Amino acid sequence: MELTKEQFKADFERMLSDCFTMDAEKSDLPEQYFTLGKLICSYAAKEWRNTNQRYLEKGEKQVYYFSMEFLLGRRC
């Protein structure tokens, strides 16, 4: 994924405007932090969708790992 600094700034300002209907100069840190998380998630979702589509087209298998070591709770 090719992403320039200018493109990232434009995407961030668009996402901030879409979520909170305000400019970056008028926003607070919590709003900026929320927007940053949402923007990164949208970038990752595009790549994940493309990868899954490629796996389906090529008929490739996927391996999933599930660990239960953190589900046991406290040890006595």
PDB file of N, CA and C in Angstrom:
ATOM      1  N   MET A   1       0.847  -1.175   0.000  1.00  0.00           N
ATOM      2  CA  MET A   1       0.000   0.000   0.000  1.00  0.00           C
ATOM      3  C   MET A   1       0.894   1.240   0.000  1.00  0.00           C
ATOM      4  N   GLU A   2       0.766   2.019  -1.018  1.00  0.00           N
ATOM      5  CA  GLU A   2       1.520   3.260  -1.126  1.00  0.00           C
ATOM      6  C   GLU A   2       0.692   4.388  -0.510  1.00  0.00           C
ATOM      7  N   LEU A   3       1.230   5.008   0.501  1.00  0.00           N
ATOM      8  CA  LEU A   3       0.520   6.082   1.175  1.00  0.00           C
ATOM      9  C   LEU A   3       1.499   7.214   1.439  1.00  0.00           C
ATOM     10  N   THR A   4       1.196   8.364   0.886  1.00  0.00           N
ATOM     11  CA  THR A   4       2.063   9.515   1.104  1.00  0.00           C
ATOM     12  C   THR A   4       1.610  10.280   2.345  1.00  0.00           C
ATOM     13  N   LYS A   5       2.491  11.124   2.825  1.00  0.00           N
ATOM     14  CA  LYS A   5       2.189  11.955   3.991  1.00  0.00           C
ATOM     15  C   LYS A   5       0.999  12.865   3.699  1.00  0.00           C
ATOM     16  N   GLU A   6       0.969  13.422   2.513  1.00  0.00           N
ATOM     17  CA  GLU A   6      -0.127  14.327   2.134  1.00  0.00           C
ATOM     18  C   GLU A   6      -1.455  13.577   2.045  1.00  0.00           C
ATOM     19  N   GLN A   7      -1.414  12.346   1.493  1.00  0.00           N
ATOM     20  CA  GLN A   7      -2.637  11.543   1.389  1.00  0.00           C
ATOM     21  C   GLN A   7      -3.157  11.171   2.775  1.00  0.00           C
ATOM     22  N   PHE A   8      -2.237  10.820   3.685  1.00  0.00           N
ATOM     23  CA  PHE A   8      -2.640  10.474   5.040  1.00  0.00           C
ATOM     24  C   PHE A   8      -3.301  11.666   5.733  1.00  0.00           C
ATOM     25  N   LYS A   9      -2.695  12.842   5.589  1.00  0.00           N
ATOM     26  CA  LYS A   9      -3.276  14.042   6.195  1.00  0.00           C
ATOM     27  C   LYS A   9      -4.664  14.325   5.636  1.00  0.00           C
ATOM     28  N   ALA A  10      -4.817  14.196   4.310  1.00  0.00           N
ATOM     29  CA  ALA A  10      -6.118  14.447   3.683  1.00  0.00           C
ATOM     30  C   ALA A  10      -7.150  13.431   4.162  1.00  0.00           C
ATOM     31  N   ASP A  11      -6.759  12.151   4.257  1.00  0.00           N
ATOM     32  CA  ASP A  11      -7.676  11.114   4.748  1.00  0.00           C
ATOM     33  C   ASP A  11      -8.061  11.370   6.199  1.00  0.00           C
ATOM     34  N   PHE A  12      -7.083  11.793   7.009  1.00  0.00           N
ATOM     35  CA  PHE A  12      -7.350  12.071   8.422  1.00  0.00           C
ATOM     36  C   PHE A  12      -8.349  13.220   8.564  1.00  0.00           C
ATOM     37  N   GLU A  13      -8.135  14.284   7.821  1.00  0.00           N
ATOM     38  CA  GLU A  13      -9.045  15.429   7.911  1.00  0.00           C
ATOM     39  C   GLU A  13     -10.439  15.080   7.397  1.00  0.00           C
ATOM     40  N   ARG A  14     -10.510  14.249   6.349  1.00  0.00           N
ATOM     41  CA  ARG A  14     -11.821  13.821   5.835  1.00  0.00           C
ATOM     42  C   ARG A  14     -12.540  12.961   6.867  1.00  0.00           C
ATOM     43  N   MET A  15     -11.806  12.020   7.492  1.00  0.00           N
ATOM     44  CA  MET A  15     -12.403  11.135   8.488  1.00  0.00           C
ATOM     45  C   MET A  15     -12.853  11.928   9.715  1.00  0.00           C
ATOM     46  N   LEU A  16     -12.052  12.897  10.139  1.00  0.00           N
ATOM     47  CA  LEU A  16     -12.412  13.747  11.277  1.00  0.00           C
ATOM     48  C   LEU A  16     -13.671  14.546  10.961  1.00  0.00           C
ATOM     49  N   SER A  17     -13.730  15.046   9.755  1.00  0.00           N
ATOM     50  CA  SER A  17     -14.907  15.798   9.340  1.00  0.00           C
ATOM     51  C   SER A  17     -16.145  14.901   9.272  1.00  0.00           C
ATOM     52  N   ASP A  18     -15.968  13.678   8.781  1.00  0.00           N
ATOM     53  CA  ASP A  18     -17.092  12.737   8.694  1.00  0.00           C
ATOM     54  C   ASP A  18     -17.583  12.313  10.065  1.00  0.00           C
ATOM     55  N   CYS A  19     -16.651  12.093  11.000  1.00  0.00           N
ATOM     56  CA  CYS A  19     -17.031  11.596  12.331  1.00  0.00           C
ATOM     57  C   CYS A  19     -17.553  12.695  13.252  1.00  0.00           C
ATOM     58  N   PHE A  20     -16.904  13.863  13.223  1.00  0.00           N
ATOM     59  CA  PHE A  20     -17.219  14.898  14.202  1.00  0.00           C
ATOM     60  C   PHE A  20     -17.661  16.222  13.585  1.00  0.00           C
ATOM     61  N   THR A  21     -17.748  16.277  12.279  1.00  0.00           N
ATOM     62  CA  THR A  21     -18.144  17.493  11.549  1.00  0.00           C
ATOM     63  C   THR A  21     -17.401  18.737  12.025  1.00  0.00           C
ATOM     64  N   MET A  22     -16.057  18.611  12.104  1.00  0.00           N
ATOM     65  CA  MET A  22     -15.246  19.766  12.491  1.00  0.00           C
ATOM     66  C   MET A  22     -13.879  19.673  11.838  1.00  0.00           C
ATOM     67  N   ASP A  23     -13.185  20.793  11.810  1.00  0.00           N
ATOM     68  CA  ASP A  23     -11.832  20.844  11.272  1.00  0.00           C
ATOM     69  C   ASP A  23     -10.839  20.344  12.315  1.00  0.00           C
ATOM     70  N   ALA A  24      -9.649  19.988  11.851  1.00  0.00           N
ATOM     71  CA  ALA A  24      -8.613  19.476  12.752  1.00  0.00           C
ATOM     72  C   ALA A  24      -8.187  20.516  13.779  1.00  0.00           C
ATOM     73  N   GLU A  25      -8.184  21.782  13.395  1.00  0.00           N
ATOM     74  CA  GLU A  25      -7.761  22.840  14.313  1.00  0.00           C
ATOM     75  C   GLU A  25      -8.711  22.995  15.498  1.00  0.00           C
ATOM     76  N   LYS A  26      -9.973  22.664  15.309  1.00  0.00           N
ATOM     77  CA  LYS A  26     -10.977  22.837  16.365  1.00  0.00           C
ATOM     78  C   LYS A  26     -11.204  21.569  17.181  1.00  0.00           C
ATOM     79  N   SER A  27     -10.556  20.485  16.818  1.00  0.00           N
ATOM     80  CA  SER A  27     -10.791  19.214  17.508  1.00  0.00           C
ATOM     81  C   SER A  27      -9.876  19.066  18.717  1.00  0.00           C
ATOM     82  N   ASP A  28     -10.304  18.234  19.651  1.00  0.00           N
ATOM     83  CA  ASP A  28      -9.532  17.936  20.854  1.00  0.00           C
ATOM     84  C   ASP A  28      -8.765  16.625  20.653  1.00  0.00           C
ATOM     85  N   LEU A  29      -7.867  16.318  21.582  1.00  0.00           N
ATOM     86  CA  LEU A  29      -7.070  15.093  21.478  1.00  0.00           C
ATOM     87  C   LEU A  29      -7.912  13.813  21.447  1.00  0.00           C
ATOM     88  N   PRO A  30      -8.953  13.668  22.281  1.00  0.00           N
ATOM     89  CA  PRO A  30      -9.759  12.439  22.199  1.00  0.00           C
ATOM     90  C   PRO A  30     -10.413  12.251  20.823  1.00  0.00           C
ATOM     91  N   GLU A  31     -10.860  13.322  20.236  1.00  0.00           N
ATOM     92  CA  GLU A  31     -11.465  13.229  18.903  1.00  0.00           C
ATOM     93  C   GLU A  31     -10.417  12.858  17.860  1.00  0.00           C
ATOM     94  N   GLN A  32      -9.236  13.426  17.988  1.00  0.00           N
ATOM     95  CA  GLN A  32      -8.157  13.106  17.049  1.00  0.00           C
ATOM     96  C   GLN A  32      -7.704  11.654  17.214  1.00  0.00           C
ATOM     97  N   TYR A  33      -7.610  11.210  18.454  1.00  0.00           N
ATOM     98  CA  TYR A  33      -7.185   9.840  18.726  1.00  0.00           C
ATOM     99  C   TYR A  33      -8.206   8.846  18.172  1.00  0.00           C
ATOM    100  N   PHE A  34      -9.497   9.106  18.382  1.00  0.00           N
ATOM    101  CA  PHE A  34     -10.549   8.245  17.860  1.00  0.00           C
ATOM    102  C   PHE A  34     -10.482   8.190  16.338  1.00  0.00           C
ATOM    103  N   THR A  35     -10.282   9.348  15.721  1.00  0.00           N
ATOM    104  CA  THR A  35     -10.206   9.427  14.263  1.00  0.00           C
ATOM    105  C   THR A  35      -9.002   8.658  13.737  1.00  0.00           C
ATOM    106  N   LEU A  36      -7.874   8.777  14.408  1.00  0.00           N
ATOM    107  CA  LEU A  36      -6.674   8.057  14.001  1.00  0.00           C
ATOM    108  C   LEU A  36      -6.911   6.547  14.038  1.00  0.00           C
ATOM    109  N   GLY A  37      -7.519   6.062  15.106  1.00  0.00           N
ATOM    110  CA  GLY A  37      -7.830   4.638  15.207  1.00  0.00           C
ATOM    111  C   GLY A  37      -8.766   4.170  14.116  1.00  0.00           C
ATOM    112  N   LYS A  38      -9.772   4.961  13.844  1.00  0.00           N
ATOM    113  CA  LYS A  38     -10.748   4.611  12.805  1.00  0.00           C
ATOM    114  C   LYS A  38     -10.092   4.613  11.421  1.00  0.00           C
ATOM    115  N   LEU A  39      -9.203   5.557  11.186  1.00  0.00           N
ATOM    116  CA  LEU A  39      -8.519   5.645   9.898  1.00  0.00           C
ATOM    117  C   LEU A  39      -7.581   4.455   9.694  1.00  0.00           C
ATOM    118  N   ILE A  40      -6.815   4.113  10.713  1.00  0.00           N
ATOM    119  CA  ILE A  40      -5.914   2.962  10.604  1.00  0.00           C
ATOM    120  C   ILE A  40      -6.706   1.681  10.400  1.00  0.00           C
ATOM    121  N   CYS A  41      -7.816   1.569  11.085  1.00  0.00           N
ATOM    122  CA  CYS A  41      -8.682   0.402  10.915  1.00  0.00           C
ATOM    123  C   CYS A  41      -9.205   0.318   9.480  1.00  0.00           C
ATOM    124  N   SER A  42      -9.559   1.438   8.893  1.00  0.00           N
ATOM    125  CA  SER A  42     -10.058   1.421   7.515  1.00  0.00           C
ATOM    126  C   SER A  42      -8.960   1.019   6.539  1.00  0.00           C
ATOM    127  N   TYR A  43      -7.721   1.459   6.778  1.00  0.00           N
ATOM    128  CA  TYR A  43      -6.604   1.034   5.932  1.00  0.00           C
ATOM    129  C   TYR A  43      -6.390  -0.482   6.041  1.00  0.00           C
ATOM    130  N   ALA A  44      -6.394  -0.981   7.265  1.00  0.00           N
ATOM    131  CA  ALA A  44      -6.179  -2.413   7.485  1.00  0.00           C
ATOM    132  C   ALA A  44      -7.308  -3.239   6.875  1.00  0.00           C
ATOM    133  N   ALA A  45      -8.537  -2.748   6.972  1.00  0.00           N
ATOM    134  CA  ALA A  45      -9.681  -3.487   6.432  1.00  0.00           C
ATOM    135  C   ALA A  45      -9.581  -3.640   4.918  1.00  0.00           C
ATOM    136  N   LYS A  46      -9.119  -2.599   4.236  1.00  0.00           N
ATOM    137  CA  LYS A  46      -8.952  -2.691   2.778  1.00  0.00           C
ATOM    138  C   LYS A  46      -7.941  -3.771   2.425  1.00  0.00           C
ATOM    139  N   GLU A  47      -6.811  -3.770   3.115  1.00  0.00           N
ATOM    140  CA  GLU A  47      -5.772  -4.763   2.839  1.00  0.00           C
ATOM    141  C   GLU A  47      -6.243  -6.173   3.193  1.00  0.00           C
ATOM    142  N   TRP A  48      -6.948  -6.313   4.299  1.00  0.00           N
ATOM    143  CA  TRP A  48      -7.448  -7.609   4.723  1.00  0.00           C
ATOM    144  C   TRP A  48      -8.453  -8.147   3.698  1.00  0.00           C
ATOM    145  N   ARG A  49      -9.341  -7.273   3.226  1.00  0.00           N
ATOM    146  CA  ARG A  49     -10.331  -7.674   2.230  1.00  0.00           C
ATOM    147  C   ARG A  49      -9.644  -8.121   0.943  1.00  0.00           C
ATOM    148  N   ASN A  50      -8.627  -7.377   0.509  1.00  0.00           N
ATOM    149  CA  ASN A  50      -7.899  -7.748  -0.707  1.00  0.00           C
ATOM    150  C   ASN A  50      -7.188  -9.083  -0.545  1.00  0.00           C
ATOM    151  N   THR A  51      -6.591  -9.301   0.622  1.00  0.00           N
ATOM    152  CA  THR A  51      -5.896 -10.565   0.880  1.00  0.00           C
ATOM    153  C   THR A  51      -6.871 -11.730   0.875  1.00  0.00           C
ATOM    154  N   ASN A  52      -8.003 -11.582   1.557  1.00  0.00           N
ATOM    155  CA  ASN A  52      -8.999 -12.659   1.582  1.00  0.00           C
ATOM    156  C   ASN A  52      -9.554 -12.950   0.200  1.00  0.00           C
ATOM    157  N   GLN A  53      -9.760 -11.913  -0.591  1.00  0.00           N
ATOM    158  CA  GLN A  53     -10.248 -12.107  -1.957  1.00  0.00           C
ATOM    159  C   GLN A  53      -9.225 -12.887  -2.777  1.00  0.00           C
ATOM    160  N   ARG A  54      -7.955 -12.563  -2.618  1.00  0.00           N
ATOM    161  CA  ARG A  54      -6.896 -13.279  -3.334  1.00  0.00           C
ATOM    162  C   ARG A  54      -6.849 -14.740  -2.907  1.00  0.00           C
ATOM    163  N   TYR A  55      -7.006 -15.016  -1.604  1.00  0.00           N
ATOM    164  CA  TYR A  55      -7.028 -16.397  -1.128  1.00  0.00           C
ATOM    165  C   TYR A  55      -8.186 -17.167  -1.749  1.00  0.00           C
ATOM    166  N   LEU A  56      -9.349 -16.542  -1.827  1.00  0.00           N
ATOM    167  CA  LEU A  56     -10.509 -17.212  -2.416  1.00  0.00           C
ATOM    168  C   LEU A  56     -10.314 -17.484  -3.897  1.00  0.00           C
ATOM    169  N   GLU A  57      -9.766 -16.517  -4.610  1.00  0.00           N
ATOM    170  CA  GLU A  57      -9.565 -16.686  -6.051  1.00  0.00           C
ATOM    171  C   GLU A  57      -8.563 -17.793  -6.362  1.00  0.00           C
ATOM    172  N   LYS A  58      -7.512 -17.904  -5.557  1.00  0.00           N
ATOM    173  CA  LYS A  58      -6.468 -18.900  -5.804  1.00  0.00           C
ATOM    174  C   LYS A  58      -6.747 -20.225  -5.104  1.00  0.00           C
ATOM    175  N   GLY A  59      -7.780 -20.260  -4.280  1.00  0.00           N
ATOM    176  CA  GLY A  59      -8.106 -21.482  -3.559  1.00  0.00           C
ATOM    177  C   GLY A  59      -7.064 -21.850  -2.510  1.00  0.00           C
ATOM    178  N   GLU A  60      -6.379 -20.859  -1.958  1.00  0.00           N
ATOM    179  CA  GLU A  60      -5.347 -21.117  -0.962  1.00  0.00           C
ATOM    180  C   GLU A  60      -5.965 -21.403   0.397  1.00  0.00           C
ATOM    181  N   LYS A  61      -5.296 -22.261   1.140  1.00  0.00           N
ATOM    182  CA  LYS A  61      -5.754 -22.585   2.484  1.00  0.00           C
ATOM    183  C   LYS A  61      -5.219 -21.564   3.471  1.00  0.00           C
ATOM    184  N   GLN A  62      -5.917 -21.442   4.583  1.00  0.00           N
ATOM    185  CA  GLN A  62      -5.493 -20.546   5.646  1.00  0.00           C
ATOM    186  C   GLN A  62      -5.384 -21.339   6.939  1.00  0.00           C
ATOM    187  N   VAL A  63      -4.468 -20.923   7.784  1.00  0.00           N
ATOM    188  CA  VAL A  63      -4.279 -21.571   9.079  1.00  0.00           C
ATOM    189  C   VAL A  63      -4.657 -20.581  10.163  1.00  0.00           C
ATOM    190  N   TYR A  64      -5.472 -21.024  11.096  1.00  0.00           N
ATOM    191  CA  TYR A  64      -5.872 -20.185  12.219  1.00  0.00           C
ATOM    192  C   TYR A  64      -5.314 -20.799  13.495  1.00  0.00           C
ATOM    193  N   TYR A  65      -4.815 -19.960  14.377  1.00  0.00           N
ATOM    194  CA  TYR A  65      -4.247 -20.404  15.639  1.00  0.00           C
ATOM    195  C   TYR A  65      -5.075 -19.815  16.764  1.00  0.00           C
ATOM    196  N   PHE A  66      -5.529 -20.677  17.659  1.00  0.00           N
ATOM    197  CA  PHE A  66      -6.324 -20.232  18.790  1.00  0.00           C
ATOM    198  C   PHE A  66      -5.647 -20.715  20.060  1.00  0.00           C
ATOM    199  N   SER A  67      -5.257 -19.812  20.906  1.00  0.00           N
ATOM    200  CA  SER A  67      -4.577 -20.156  22.143  1.00  0.00           C
ATOM    201  C   SER A  67      -5.508 -19.919  23.324  1.00  0.00           C
ATOM    202  N   MET A  68      -5.583 -20.890  24.221  1.00  0.00           N
ATOM    203  CA  MET A  68      -6.458 -20.760  25.392  1.00  0.00           C
ATOM    204  C   MET A  68      -5.683 -20.404  26.648  1.00  0.00           C
ATOM    205  N   GLU A  69      -4.405 -20.109  26.526  1.00  0.00           N
ATOM    206  CA  GLU A  69      -3.608 -19.867  27.718  1.00  0.00           C
ATOM    207  C   GLU A  69      -4.058 -18.643  28.514  1.00  0.00           C
ATOM    208  N   PHE A  70      -4.710 -17.697  27.875  1.00  0.00           N
ATOM    209  CA  PHE A  70      -5.154 -16.491  28.585  1.00  0.00           C
ATOM    210  C   PHE A  70      -6.607 -16.607  29.053  1.00  0.00           C
ATOM    211  N   LEU A  71      -7.267 -17.696  28.746  1.00  0.00           N
ATOM    212  CA  LEU A  71      -8.665 -17.855  29.113  1.00  0.00           C
ATOM    213  C   LEU A  71      -8.845 -18.633  30.418  1.00  0.00           C
ATOM    214  N   LEU A  72      -7.762 -19.079  31.019  1.00  0.00           N
ATOM    215  CA  LEU A  72      -7.880 -19.917  32.212  1.00  0.00           C
ATOM    216  C   LEU A  72      -8.184 -19.124  33.469  1.00  0.00           C
ATOM    217  N   GLY A  73      -7.868 -17.871  33.476  1.00  0.00           N
ATOM    218  CA  GLY A  73      -8.114 -17.067  34.669  1.00  0.00           C
ATOM    219  C   GLY A  73      -6.949 -17.165  35.644  1.00  0.00           C
ATOM    220  N   ARG A  74      -7.186 -16.714  36.863  1.00  0.00           N
ATOM    221  CA  ARG A  74      -6.118 -16.714  37.869  1.00  0.00           C
ATOM    222  C   ARG A  74      -5.817 -18.116  38.342  1.00  0.00           C
ATOM    223  N   ARG A  75      -4.552 -18.340  38.601  1.00  0.00           N
ATOM    224  CA  ARG A  75      -4.159 -19.628  39.183  1.00  0.00           C
ATOM    225  C   ARG A  75      -4.134 -19.487  40.696  1.00  0.00           C
ATOM    226  N   CYS A  76      -4.566 -20.508  41.384  1.00  0.00           N
ATOM    227  CA  CYS A  76      -4.590 -20.480  42.849  1.00  0.00           C
ATOM    228  C   CYS A  76      -3.361 -21.104  43.435  1.00  0.00           C
TER     229      CYS A  76
END
